[in-house]
């Protein structure tokens, strides 16, 4: 072995900022501040955005790259892990397709051109399990008007992976300049949520732990590109994000911080189902802090807010849509929640409450 093999030098540690004592934890995948810090240190600092309209440094739901004077290509990628693989309201296959289609939609790209799919499977997994997952992926593609055009499969040894993970990539083309960034909020914009929040995270935790709350708890996992299309046809949507990891609290704080604005929310206006509210109280988990997989948080030009709301409520997926707040010039980068009894900051959750959820 040469002197340089498998040796970490002082200069190596100084250049990276990390030592062998610094390890990845579940919190680094939870969608909060620790994940952002990791991505910025490990990826953003190493890859240039070149001519991208929206590149890696933006930390948006996808990238936007011009392909000619009139068109841009939108690309997003995601990896999906969840326990259990099959749950009330969906499964890992539906989650993978919906998550990828939805990330494209959050950029304003509601017509997916192509998806890729890579399955990483633990040896010993029943083939019937994989068949159920891929059938669900097919059904969800049909619902979203999408298709998987290429992919890959890898098999890992027993105990080297927890049953099954799926990586997907989505591609779409939009008219150049017609994408929607998550940093697009302006003072005066209205904040709309397209449906009840907390359903995915609360229902999954309840099922995983064997709790029976006597209500209809189910994940909201679904593709929402048709919902977004209806909203964009009805008025000016200035910014969008789907509240997955870290929930509504995390994405609204991200949107406020990127746009250098504040957000005022009315807690009583935020749609939360009765079963989710009750289960959340028992579990000690705030529905605003956990993942949704079929909901959009969007900023809308105030003059178009009622038209967009009506368009959302006119769809089967947006019946519970509500105006929940407004964008303000005060408390920039922060979200303030009016509880009806007082006002408090709505801050992103720390760490990861629910591992392997999306």
Foldseek 3Di string as FASTA:
>chain_A
DDPPPPDDDPVNCVVLVDDPVDDDDLLLVQLDDNVVVVCCSPPVVPDDQPQWPAGDVLVALWTWADPDQWKIKTKHKDKAFAPPQAFFAGGRLLLQLQSQCQSCVQFVFQAWPEKEKEKEFEPPQDPVVVVVSVVSNVVQCVVSVYYHDYYYYHYDYHPPDDGMMMMMMIMGMDTPPRTATLQQDDAQWFKKKQAAFLLLVLRRVCVNVVHDPPDDRGAPAHHCSVLSVLLVVQADWRGKDAQARQAQLSSQLSNQQSNQWEKEWEPVFHHHDPSSVVSCVVVVHDRRGHGHNQMMITIGNNVRVVRSLVSSCVDPSRVSMTGTIGIHRPPGSWYWYDHVVGIDTRHGDGGHPHPSRD
